[in-house]
Amino acid sequence: MRHIKAKDFLCRVLLVLLFGITFLRANAQSLSPILPQATIDTTFPDTTGYTVTPAATDGTDIGADISTVVQDTAEARGRTPVSALLTANGASSLTVSVGETVTFAWSSTNGVYWTSSYTDNRNGPYSPWIATTASGTYSWTVPSSAVGHTYVGMYTVTNRAGQSATASVTYVAQPTANLSPPSMTFASQALGTTSSAQAVTLTNSGGTTLNFTSIALTGTNASDFAQTNTCGSSLAAGANCTIVVMFTPSVAGTEAASLSIADNASGSPQTVSLSGAGTHDVILSWTASTTAGVVGYDVYRGTTSGGPYPTELNSTPINGTTYTDATVQAGQTYYYVVTAVASNDVTQSADSNEVSATVPSP
């Protein structure tokens, strides 16, 4: 048997004890990570018109603070996957306009630490945002100051093993084009004649320039409508322009088309619905009377050849030698005569020769 001196044995015992204490202390540190608390940043990008769910209990924290860690679980060893989801109005990318409400929603699985950030520049830098809980929603009403910006939001979830997952959402704030009125109806118009003009006002209610791709007429009867405008190629923020539309029917009956404005605003193209009706008419002309004292003419209409002609079409003598009868019906045949009227507005000549007109159907 080997003899060990008492002094040497004591030293070896102390070394073993010191080594064991160091080993236990190292393991204790590795099993007790310190996790930051969840916080909310209320500065992005404009606090006007938003709500947060769940509500912050003290103005800074959402939900329960993270204060304990379950030691040595499957999740801590990285065997449980972590996931993250972030959407805006249910989508991962969208365009928004001034006054629109955007609802952000986020959720995660197996996370113990949640961070989020946003940028209005695709390449950063990023700033703290609001999604710092396992799940929640946040509603934002788009202010005019957001127009022209492209925002990117990021949501990162980390589990106890240090594994992480990230979700992102991109949303672009665009100018807003408002049209007034949203529709136009033209009165019945004789075929081949042009209506009075009607006007549409286009207003850029966004905070940046509205750029036009096209202003055009579309639809089944687009060729029977015409437009002119003062809009040019772009419209400054807060400005408006006028689009004038006219109707010249080429067929009898109801006609329809659309005024279409393609631009960089949300909801492009914007449209104004157009409608009108083409009607038949009969245009009459005659040779002026050479009798002295004639001040005008009366036009009479009937539906039987040779008379009678019970319908006087004008209420006062016509000062001219033409008249358009726009009150005819499709498929009907009409018979007309003209009389000359003396200056006393009572004495009339005998009827002129009769003329007839058959209105097409339709």
Protein backbone atom coordinates (compact mmCIF):
# COMPACT_ATOMS: atom_id res chain seq x y z
CA MET A 1 0.00 0.00 0.00
CA ARG A 2 1.23 3.45 -0.98
CA HIS A 3 1.56 5.94 1.88
CA ILE A 4 0.26 9.47 1.24
CA LYS A 5 1.30 12.27 3.38
CA ALA A 6 -1.52 14.07 5.13
CA LYS A 7 -0.47 17.42 3.68
CA ASP A 8 -0.55 16.11 0.11
CA PHE A 9 -3.97 14.48 0.59
CA LEU A 10 -5.47 17.68 1.89
CA CYS A 11 -4.31 19.63 -1.17
CA ARG A 12 -5.80 17.11 -3.53
CA VAL A 13 -9.13 17.20 -1.71
CA LEU A 14 -9.22 21.00 -1.91
CA LEU A 15 -8.51 20.94 -5.65
CA VAL A 16 -11.32 18.52 -6.26
CA LEU A 17 -13.75 20.61 -4.26
CA LEU A 18 -12.73 23.82 -5.99
CA PHE A 19 -13.13 22.21 -9.41
CA GLY A 20 -16.58 20.91 -8.49
CA ILE A 21 -17.70 24.33 -7.26
CA THR A 22 -16.54 25.98 -10.46
CA PHE A 23 -18.33 23.38 -12.58
CA LEU A 24 -21.61 23.83 -10.72
CA ARG A 25 -21.38 27.60 -10.94
CA ALA A 26 -20.86 27.46 -14.72
CA ASN A 27 -23.90 25.22 -15.16
CA ALA A 28 -26.02 27.55 -13.05
CA GLN A 29 -25.16 30.52 -15.30
CA SER A 30 -26.00 28.64 -18.51
CA LEU A 31 -29.43 27.67 -17.17
CA SER A 32 -30.53 31.16 -16.08
CA PRO A 33 -30.62 33.51 -19.11
CA ILE A 34 -31.93 37.02 -18.44
CA LEU A 35 -34.72 37.97 -20.86
CA PRO A 36 -35.80 41.58 -21.52
CA GLN A 37 -39.34 42.70 -20.81
CA ALA A 38 -41.85 43.36 -23.60
CA THR A 39 -42.40 47.07 -24.31
CA ILE A 40 -44.56 49.14 -26.67
CA ASP A 41 -43.41 52.08 -28.75
CA THR A 42 -46.25 54.58 -29.45
CA THR A 43 -44.37 56.88 -31.80
CA PHE A 44 -44.93 55.04 -35.11
CA PRO A 45 -45.69 56.73 -37.36
CA ASP A 46 -48.56 58.87 -36.11
CA THR A 47 -50.54 58.06 -32.97
CA THR A 48 -53.72 59.56 -34.40
CA GLY A 49 -56.58 57.12 -34.79
CA TYR A 50 -55.14 53.82 -33.61
CA THR A 51 -55.98 51.33 -30.88
CA VAL A 52 -53.93 48.49 -29.45
CA THR A 53 -55.30 45.10 -28.34
CA PRO A 54 -54.61 43.88 -25.70
CA ALA A 55 -54.49 47.24 -23.94
CA ALA A 56 -51.26 48.32 -22.26
CA THR A 57 -51.64 48.08 -18.47
CA ASP A 58 -49.09 50.72 -17.53
CA GLY A 59 -48.34 52.56 -20.78
CA THR A 60 -45.21 50.57 -21.53
CA ASP A 61 -45.82 46.85 -21.07
CA ILE A 62 -48.19 44.63 -23.05
CA GLY A 63 -49.09 41.34 -21.41
CA ALA A 64 -47.10 39.67 -18.64
CA ASP A 65 -43.43 40.41 -18.09
CA ILE A 66 -41.05 37.50 -18.73
CA SER A 67 -39.44 36.68 -15.40
CA THR A 68 -38.95 32.89 -15.16
CA VAL A 69 -37.46 30.21 -17.36
CA VAL A 70 -38.29 26.52 -17.18
CA GLN A 71 -34.97 24.74 -17.03
CA ASP A 72 -33.79 22.01 -19.38
CA THR A 73 -37.01 21.55 -21.40
CA ALA A 74 -37.23 20.21 -24.95
CA GLU A 75 -37.80 23.79 -26.09
CA ALA A 76 -34.68 24.99 -24.28
CA ARG A 77 -32.69 22.34 -26.08
CA GLY A 78 -33.98 23.64 -29.43
CA ARG A 79 -36.23 20.71 -30.23
CA THR A 80 -39.47 22.75 -30.46
CA PRO A 81 -39.76 24.91 -33.59
CA VAL A 82 -40.59 28.63 -33.33
CA SER A 83 -42.73 30.54 -35.86
CA ALA A 84 -43.92 34.10 -36.47
CA LEU A 85 -46.76 35.68 -38.50
CA LEU A 86 -47.40 39.36 -39.28
CA THR A 87 -50.13 40.71 -41.62
CA ALA A 88 -51.78 44.01 -42.53
CA ASN A 89 -55.49 43.67 -43.31
CA GLY A 90 -54.81 39.96 -43.69
CA ALA A 91 -52.08 40.37 -46.32
CA SER A 92 -48.30 40.50 -46.37
CA SER A 93 -48.25 43.47 -48.74
CA LEU A 94 -50.83 46.08 -49.71
CA THR A 95 -51.40 49.67 -50.75
CA VAL A 96 -53.26 52.07 -48.48
CA SER A 97 -54.80 55.51 -48.86
CA VAL A 98 -55.39 58.50 -46.60
CA GLY A 99 -58.16 57.90 -44.07
CA GLU A 100 -58.09 54.12 -44.51
CA THR A 101 -57.88 51.96 -41.38
CA VAL A 102 -55.17 49.31 -41.48
CA THR A 103 -55.27 46.49 -38.94
CA PHE A 104 -51.98 44.75 -38.20
CA ALA A 105 -52.14 41.29 -36.61
CA TRP A 106 -49.29 39.17 -35.30
CA SER A 107 -48.99 35.76 -33.71
CA SER A 108 -46.28 33.25 -32.83
CA THR A 109 -45.66 29.79 -31.44
CA ASN A 110 -43.10 28.63 -28.87
CA GLY A 111 -41.59 32.06 -28.38
CA VAL A 112 -40.44 33.62 -25.11
CA TYR A 113 -39.07 36.89 -26.50
CA TRP A 114 -40.74 39.07 -29.15
CA THR A 115 -39.37 42.13 -30.88
CA SER A 116 -40.58 44.26 -33.77
CA SER A 117 -39.32 47.17 -35.84
CA TYR A 118 -40.31 49.20 -38.87
CA THR A 119 -38.76 51.43 -41.49
CA ASP A 120 -40.05 53.79 -44.16
CA ASN A 121 -36.98 52.98 -46.22
CA ARG A 122 -36.69 49.45 -47.60
CA ASN A 123 -33.01 49.38 -46.65
CA GLY A 124 -33.44 50.65 -43.09
CA PRO A 125 -32.57 51.90 -40.57
CA TYR A 126 -35.26 50.20 -38.48
CA SER A 127 -36.99 51.69 -35.44
CA PRO A 128 -38.85 49.97 -32.55
CA TRP A 129 -42.49 49.20 -33.30
CA ILE A 130 -45.48 47.77 -31.42
CA ALA A 131 -45.60 43.98 -31.80
CA THR A 132 -43.81 42.84 -28.65
CA THR A 133 -46.17 40.12 -27.44
CA ALA A 134 -46.97 36.59 -28.55
CA SER A 135 -50.09 37.82 -30.39
CA GLY A 136 -52.16 40.94 -30.79
CA THR A 137 -53.66 43.53 -33.14
CA TYR A 138 -53.01 47.19 -33.86
CA SER A 139 -55.24 49.55 -35.89
CA TRP A 140 -53.79 52.58 -37.69
CA THR A 141 -55.66 55.29 -39.61
CA VAL A 142 -53.43 56.41 -42.47
CA PRO A 143 -52.54 60.13 -42.12
CA SER A 144 -51.77 62.39 -45.08
CA SER A 145 -48.14 62.56 -43.89
CA ALA A 146 -47.73 58.85 -44.74
CA VAL A 147 -48.44 59.33 -48.45
CA GLY A 148 -45.47 58.58 -50.67
CA HIS A 149 -43.80 56.31 -48.09
CA THR A 150 -43.20 52.58 -48.32
CA TYR A 151 -43.23 50.99 -44.84
CA VAL A 152 -41.75 47.64 -43.89
CA GLY A 153 -42.65 46.08 -40.54
CA MET A 154 -40.66 43.20 -39.01
CA TYR A 155 -41.71 40.82 -36.22
CA THR A 156 -39.15 38.45 -34.69
CA VAL A 157 -39.83 35.60 -32.25
CA THR A 158 -37.09 33.84 -30.26
CA ASN A 159 -37.37 30.64 -28.20
CA ARG A 160 -35.37 29.60 -25.14
CA ALA A 161 -32.73 27.90 -27.26
CA GLY A 162 -32.01 31.17 -29.05
CA GLN A 163 -33.68 30.01 -32.27
CA SER A 164 -35.72 32.74 -34.01
CA ALA A 165 -38.29 33.26 -36.77
CA THR A 166 -39.13 36.52 -38.55
CA ALA A 167 -42.21 37.73 -40.44
CA SER A 168 -42.53 40.96 -42.39
CA VAL A 169 -45.23 43.09 -44.02
CA THR A 170 -44.89 45.86 -46.62
CA TYR A 171 -47.44 48.61 -47.14
CA VAL A 172 -47.32 51.63 -49.44
CA ALA A 173 -49.26 54.84 -48.73
CA GLN A 174 -50.52 56.35 -51.97
CA PRO A 175 -52.33 59.57 -52.97
CA THR A 176 -56.12 59.56 -53.14
CA ALA A 177 -58.13 60.54 -56.22
CA ASN A 178 -61.71 61.68 -55.60
CA LEU A 179 -64.24 62.16 -58.42
CA SER A 180 -67.40 64.24 -58.18
CA PRO A 181 -69.99 63.40 -59.34
CA PRO A 182 -69.44 59.61 -59.52
CA SER A 183 -71.89 59.25 -62.43
CA MET A 184 -73.43 61.31 -65.27
CA THR A 185 -76.79 60.91 -67.01
CA PHE A 186 -77.44 62.83 -70.22
CA ALA A 187 -80.96 63.77 -71.33
CA SER A 188 -82.39 62.13 -74.43
CA GLN A 189 -80.51 63.47 -77.43
CA ALA A 190 -81.44 63.43 -81.10
CA LEU A 191 -79.23 61.16 -83.18
CA GLY A 192 -76.21 62.91 -84.62
CA THR A 193 -76.54 65.98 -82.39
CA THR A 194 -74.28 66.89 -79.46
CA SER A 195 -75.49 67.41 -75.91
CA SER A 196 -74.58 70.19 -73.54
CA ALA A 197 -71.32 69.55 -71.65
CA GLN A 198 -71.25 68.09 -68.16
CA ALA A 199 -68.24 68.43 -65.84
CA VAL A 200 -66.45 66.07 -63.40
CA THR A 201 -64.12 67.45 -60.72
CA LEU A 202 -61.04 65.33 -59.88
CA THR A 203 -59.39 66.17 -56.55
CA ASN A 204 -56.06 64.90 -55.18
CA SER A 205 -56.72 64.63 -51.44
CA GLY A 206 -53.39 62.93 -50.72
CA GLY A 207 -50.14 64.44 -49.51
CA THR A 208 -48.08 63.85 -52.64
CA THR A 209 -48.37 64.31 -56.41
CA LEU A 210 -50.99 62.34 -58.31
CA ASN A 211 -49.48 61.10 -61.59
CA PHE A 212 -51.79 60.17 -64.47
CA THR A 213 -51.23 57.25 -66.80
CA SER A 214 -54.33 57.91 -68.88
CA ILE A 215 -57.73 59.63 -68.91
CA ALA A 216 -59.94 57.78 -71.37
CA LEU A 217 -63.46 56.71 -72.29
CA THR A 218 -64.20 52.98 -72.18
CA GLY A 219 -67.20 50.72 -72.55
CA THR A 220 -69.78 49.63 -75.11
CA ASN A 221 -70.69 53.10 -76.45
CA ALA A 222 -67.44 54.91 -75.66
CA SER A 223 -67.20 56.33 -79.21
CA ASP A 224 -70.46 58.28 -78.71
CA PHE A 225 -68.97 60.21 -75.76
CA ALA A 226 -66.13 62.75 -75.83
CA GLN A 227 -64.02 64.32 -73.09
CA THR A 228 -61.59 67.19 -72.62
CA ASN A 229 -59.74 67.98 -69.38
CA THR A 230 -57.46 70.41 -67.58
CA CYS A 231 -55.59 67.72 -65.60
CA GLY A 232 -52.37 67.44 -67.59
CA SER A 233 -49.95 64.66 -66.65
CA SER A 234 -50.05 65.18 -62.87
CA LEU A 235 -51.95 66.92 -60.10
CA ALA A 236 -50.34 68.46 -57.02
CA ALA A 237 -51.40 67.47 -53.50
CA GLY A 238 -54.65 69.22 -52.57
CA ALA A 239 -55.29 70.45 -56.13
CA ASN A 240 -58.17 69.64 -58.49
CA CYS A 241 -58.87 69.62 -62.22
CA THR A 242 -61.95 69.43 -64.45
CA ILE A 243 -62.98 66.80 -67.00
CA VAL A 244 -65.77 67.83 -69.42
CA VAL A 245 -67.88 65.14 -71.14
CA MET A 246 -70.34 65.44 -74.08
CA PHE A 247 -72.72 62.93 -75.68
CA THR A 248 -73.46 62.51 -79.41
CA PRO A 249 -75.67 59.42 -79.91
CA SER A 250 -75.35 57.38 -83.08
CA VAL A 251 -78.05 54.81 -82.27
CA ALA A 252 -81.55 55.04 -80.84
CA GLY A 253 -82.02 53.84 -77.29
CA THR A 254 -79.94 53.78 -74.12
CA GLU A 255 -76.17 54.09 -74.38
CA ALA A 256 -73.51 53.58 -71.68
CA ALA A 257 -69.79 54.11 -71.20
CA SER A 258 -67.26 54.98 -68.49
CA LEU A 259 -64.78 57.75 -67.90
CA SER A 260 -61.63 55.97 -66.64
CA ILE A 261 -58.66 57.63 -64.88
CA ALA A 262 -55.51 55.52 -64.43
CA ASP A 263 -52.98 56.93 -61.95
CA ASN A 264 -50.74 56.13 -58.99
CA ALA A 265 -53.53 56.45 -56.42
CA SER A 266 -55.02 53.59 -54.46
CA GLY A 267 -57.98 52.07 -56.31
CA SER A 268 -56.75 53.01 -59.78
CA PRO A 269 -58.38 53.21 -62.24
CA GLN A 270 -61.12 55.45 -60.88
CA THR A 271 -64.27 55.57 -62.99
CA VAL A 272 -67.35 57.70 -63.61
CA SER A 273 -70.32 55.90 -65.17
CA LEU A 274 -71.90 57.62 -68.20
CA SER A 275 -75.36 57.06 -69.67
CA GLY A 276 -77.65 58.70 -72.20
CA ALA A 277 -80.33 57.90 -74.75
CA GLY A 278 -80.34 58.49 -78.49
CA THR A 279 -83.65 59.46 -80.05
CA HIS A 280 -84.93 59.91 -83.64
CA ASP A 281 -86.14 63.27 -84.89
CA VAL A 282 -87.58 64.78 -88.05
CA ILE A 283 -85.95 67.89 -89.54
CA LEU A 284 -88.26 70.06 -91.65
CA SER A 285 -87.33 72.94 -93.96
CA TRP A 286 -89.34 75.16 -96.27
CA THR A 287 -89.04 78.15 -98.63
CA ALA A 288 -89.70 81.54 -97.12
CA SER A 289 -92.93 83.31 -98.08
CA THR A 290 -92.64 86.38 -100.32
CA THR A 291 -95.87 87.89 -99.00
CA ALA A 292 -95.42 91.21 -97.20
CA GLY A 293 -96.16 91.23 -93.45
CA VAL A 294 -95.22 87.62 -92.75
CA VAL A 295 -93.51 87.42 -89.33
CA GLY A 296 -93.10 83.65 -88.91
CA TYR A 297 -94.43 80.16 -89.47
CA ASP A 298 -96.45 77.51 -87.64
CA VAL A 299 -95.82 73.77 -88.08
CA TYR A 300 -98.63 71.22 -87.77
CA ARG A 301 -98.45 67.43 -87.52
CA GLY A 302 -100.88 64.59 -88.04
CA THR A 303 -100.85 60.82 -88.43
CA THR A 304 -103.19 60.58 -91.44
CA SER A 305 -102.25 61.50 -94.97
CA GLY A 306 -104.32 64.50 -96.17
CA GLY A 307 -105.11 65.63 -92.63
CA PRO A 308 -106.29 66.55 -90.24
CA TYR A 309 -103.14 67.99 -88.58
CA PRO A 310 -104.23 68.47 -84.97
CA THR A 311 -100.84 69.00 -83.33
CA GLU A 312 -99.27 72.48 -83.51
CA LEU A 313 -95.62 71.84 -82.73
CA ASN A 314 -94.52 75.41 -81.91
CA SER A 315 -96.04 77.76 -79.32
CA THR A 316 -94.91 80.99 -81.00
CA PRO A 317 -94.27 81.71 -84.70
CA ILE A 318 -90.96 80.31 -85.91
CA ASN A 319 -88.60 83.04 -87.09
CA GLY A 320 -86.82 80.95 -89.71
CA THR A 321 -87.32 78.22 -92.28
CA THR A 322 -86.33 75.06 -90.37
CA TYR A 323 -87.76 73.08 -87.46
CA THR A 324 -86.71 69.85 -85.72
CA ASP A 325 -89.43 67.60 -84.34
CA ALA A 326 -87.77 65.62 -81.51
CA THR A 327 -91.03 64.21 -80.11
CA VAL A 328 -91.51 61.43 -82.65
CA GLN A 329 -91.85 57.72 -81.82
CA ALA A 330 -89.97 54.85 -83.45
CA GLY A 331 -91.95 53.02 -86.15
CA GLN A 332 -94.52 55.81 -86.57
CA THR A 333 -95.32 57.75 -89.80
CA TYR A 334 -96.06 61.48 -89.49
CA TYR A 335 -97.51 64.08 -91.92
CA TYR A 336 -96.60 67.78 -91.75
CA VAL A 337 -97.78 71.13 -93.16
CA VAL A 338 -96.57 74.71 -92.60
CA THR A 339 -98.51 78.00 -92.56
CA ALA A 340 -97.24 81.59 -92.78
CA VAL A 341 -98.30 83.89 -89.92
CA ALA A 342 -99.12 87.61 -90.36
CA SER A 343 -97.92 90.34 -88.03
CA ASN A 344 -101.11 90.25 -85.94
CA ASP A 345 -100.21 86.63 -84.99
CA VAL A 346 -103.75 85.61 -85.98
CA THR A 347 -103.99 85.62 -89.74
CA GLN A 348 -102.45 82.56 -91.35
CA SER A 349 -101.98 81.42 -94.89
CA ALA A 350 -103.41 78.23 -96.29
CA ASP A 351 -101.53 75.02 -95.54
CA SER A 352 -98.39 74.30 -97.49
CA ASN A 353 -98.01 71.05 -99.37
CA GLU A 354 -97.88 67.99 -97.16
CA VAL A 355 -94.66 66.06 -96.42
CA SER A 356 -94.34 62.78 -94.56
CA ALA A 357 -91.63 61.05 -92.51
CA THR A 358 -91.47 57.49 -91.21
CA VAL A 359 -89.34 57.06 -88.10
CA PRO A 360 -87.11 53.95 -88.09
CA SER A 361 -87.78 51.23 -85.55
CA PRO A 362 -85.98 51.20 -83.29
